Amino acid sequence: QRLKAAVHYTVGCLCQEVEEDKDVQFSKQSIAAIAEITFGQCEIFAKDLEMFARHAKRTTVNTEDVKLLARRSNSLLKYITQKSEELASSNMEQKEKKKKKSSAAKGGRTPGEQEAAVTENEDSSMA
């Protein structure tokens, strides 16, 4: 019920924006109808995503499932793909920062510095 109310509220806010932008009016009944249709479509999307994941023998919905769901809308698929790539690169950057912090805390050196130190030690022991 709370989710349905949140969808109704959001649809109302979007309709207000359109009213201001396009100089049109939405009746309360039309806002309620749009909210009902939107909620129903979201339920269908959720079931489809669950089925896509289950078909792939997974229990978790992933980005590829969402892309498959959006395949009929080129602009939406393009947007989702772009955002997915942005998130992936952001996650990689965060992982690299964590690696640098943990290695610096352990030995006070980055992996590159550790390699240089090992090479330096080998050179001095050969001499």
Protein backbone atom coordinates (compact mmCIF):
# COMPACT_ATOMS: atom_id res chain seq x y z
CA GLN A 1 0.00 0.00 0.00
CA ARG A 2 2.82 2.40 0.85
CA LEU A 3 4.51 1.62 -2.46
CA LYS A 4 1.27 2.24 -4.33
CA ALA A 5 0.85 5.55 -2.49
CA ALA A 6 4.43 6.52 -3.36
CA VAL A 7 3.78 5.79 -7.05
CA HIS A 8 0.59 7.87 -6.91
CA TYR A 9 2.45 10.75 -5.26
CA THR A 10 5.25 10.63 -7.83
CA VAL A 11 2.80 10.54 -10.73
CA GLY A 12 1.04 13.55 -9.20
CA CYS A 13 4.34 15.45 -8.98
CA LEU A 14 5.22 14.61 -12.59
CA CYS A 15 1.77 15.69 -13.75
CA GLN A 16 2.23 19.01 -11.94
CA GLU A 17 5.52 19.55 -13.77
CA VAL A 18 3.84 18.82 -17.10
CA GLU A 19 0.98 21.17 -16.20
CA GLU A 20 3.41 24.01 -15.57
CA ASP A 21 5.53 23.21 -18.61
CA LYS A 22 2.78 22.57 -21.18
CA ASP A 23 -0.03 24.69 -19.75
CA VAL A 24 -2.49 21.77 -19.43
CA GLN A 25 -4.59 20.41 -16.58
CA PHE A 26 -4.86 16.87 -15.19
CA SER A 27 -7.96 15.81 -13.28
CA LYS A 28 -7.59 13.80 -10.08
CA GLN A 29 -9.17 10.84 -11.86
CA SER A 30 -6.64 10.95 -14.70
CA ILE A 31 -3.75 11.15 -12.24
CA ALA A 32 -5.18 8.15 -10.36
CA ALA A 33 -5.59 6.22 -13.63
CA ILE A 34 -2.01 6.98 -14.71
CA ALA A 35 -0.77 5.91 -11.26
CA GLU A 36 -2.73 2.62 -11.46
CA ILE A 37 -1.40 1.84 -14.92
CA THR A 38 2.14 2.72 -13.85
CA PHE A 39 1.93 0.51 -10.77
CA GLY A 40 0.52 -2.36 -12.81
CA GLN A 41 3.29 -2.03 -15.38
CA CYS A 42 5.91 -2.03 -12.61
CA GLU A 43 4.44 -5.28 -11.28
CA ILE A 44 4.74 -6.81 -14.76
CA PHE A 45 8.34 -5.58 -15.03
CA ALA A 46 9.19 -7.08 -11.64
CA LYS A 47 7.77 -10.47 -12.63
CA ASP A 48 9.58 -10.39 -15.98
CA LEU A 49 12.89 -9.55 -14.29
CA GLU A 50 12.39 -12.39 -11.84
CA MET A 51 11.69 -14.80 -14.71
CA PHE A 52 14.76 -13.65 -16.67
CA ALA A 53 16.97 -14.31 -13.64
CA ARG A 54 15.29 -17.65 -12.93
CA HIS A 55 15.72 -18.69 -16.58
CA ALA A 56 19.45 -17.99 -16.23
CA LYS A 57 19.40 -20.15 -13.06
CA ARG A 58 20.14 -17.18 -10.82
CA THR A 59 18.35 -15.88 -7.76
CA THR A 60 19.49 -12.29 -8.24
CA VAL A 61 18.32 -9.89 -10.93
CA ASN A 62 21.30 -8.23 -12.62
CA THR A 63 21.96 -5.48 -15.15
CA GLU A 64 21.68 -7.83 -18.11
CA ASP A 65 18.12 -8.70 -17.04
CA VAL A 66 17.20 -5.01 -16.93
CA LYS A 67 18.74 -4.48 -20.38
CA LEU A 68 16.72 -7.41 -21.70
CA LEU A 69 13.57 -5.86 -20.25
CA ALA A 70 14.35 -2.51 -21.92
CA ARG A 71 15.26 -4.01 -25.30
CA ARG A 72 12.13 -2.67 -27.06
CA SER A 73 12.97 0.94 -26.28
CA ASN A 74 16.24 1.92 -27.95
CA SER A 75 16.58 5.17 -26.00
CA LEU A 76 15.90 3.47 -22.66
CA LEU A 77 18.29 0.62 -23.47
CA LYS A 78 20.98 3.13 -24.45
CA TYR A 79 20.44 5.08 -21.20
CA ILE A 80 20.55 1.94 -19.04
CA THR A 81 23.69 0.70 -20.80
CA GLN A 82 25.40 4.06 -20.31
CA LYS A 83 24.50 4.22 -16.61
CA SER A 84 25.56 0.61 -16.13
CA GLU A 85 28.97 1.35 -17.64
CA GLU A 86 29.34 4.47 -15.47
CA LEU A 87 28.55 2.46 -12.34
CA ALA A 88 30.95 -0.31 -13.34
CA SER A 89 33.83 2.12 -13.89
CA SER A 90 33.02 3.92 -10.63
CA ASN A 91 33.06 0.58 -8.77
CA MET A 92 36.41 -0.32 -10.32
CA GLU A 93 37.88 3.02 -9.21
CA GLN A 94 36.64 2.46 -5.66
CA LYS A 95 38.10 -1.06 -5.57
CA GLU A 96 41.46 0.24 -6.76
CA LYS A 97 41.45 2.94 -4.07
CA LYS A 98 40.69 0.29 -1.44
CA LYS A 99 43.53 -1.90 -2.70
CA LYS A 100 45.97 1.00 -2.52
CA LYS A 101 44.84 1.89 1.00
CA SER A 102 45.08 -1.68 2.28
CA SER A 103 48.48 -2.30 0.73
CA ALA A 104 49.77 1.01 2.02
CA ALA A 105 48.54 0.10 5.50
CA LYS A 106 50.12 -3.35 5.37
CA GLY A 107 53.55 -2.54 4.03
CA GLY A 108 53.48 1.16 3.45
CA ARG A 109 54.04 0.58 -0.26
CA THR A 110 51.90 0.25 -3.35
CA PRO A 111 52.26 -2.96 -5.42
CA GLY A 112 54.52 -1.12 -7.89
CA GLU A 113 56.74 0.16 -5.10
CA GLN A 114 56.93 -3.33 -3.56
CA GLU A 115 58.04 -4.79 -6.89
CA ALA A 116 60.70 -2.11 -7.26
CA ALA A 117 61.95 -2.84 -3.73
CA VAL A 118 62.18 -6.58 -4.47
CA THR A 119 64.11 -5.87 -7.68
CA GLU A 120 66.40 -3.49 -5.79
CA ASN A 121 67.09 -6.13 -3.12
CA GLU A 122 67.85 -8.75 -5.77
CA ASP A 123 70.25 -6.38 -7.54
CA SER A 124 72.12 -5.56 -4.33
CA SER A 125 72.40 -9.22 -3.31
CA MET A 126 73.87 -10.12 -6.72
CA ALA A 127 76.53 -7.45 -6.40
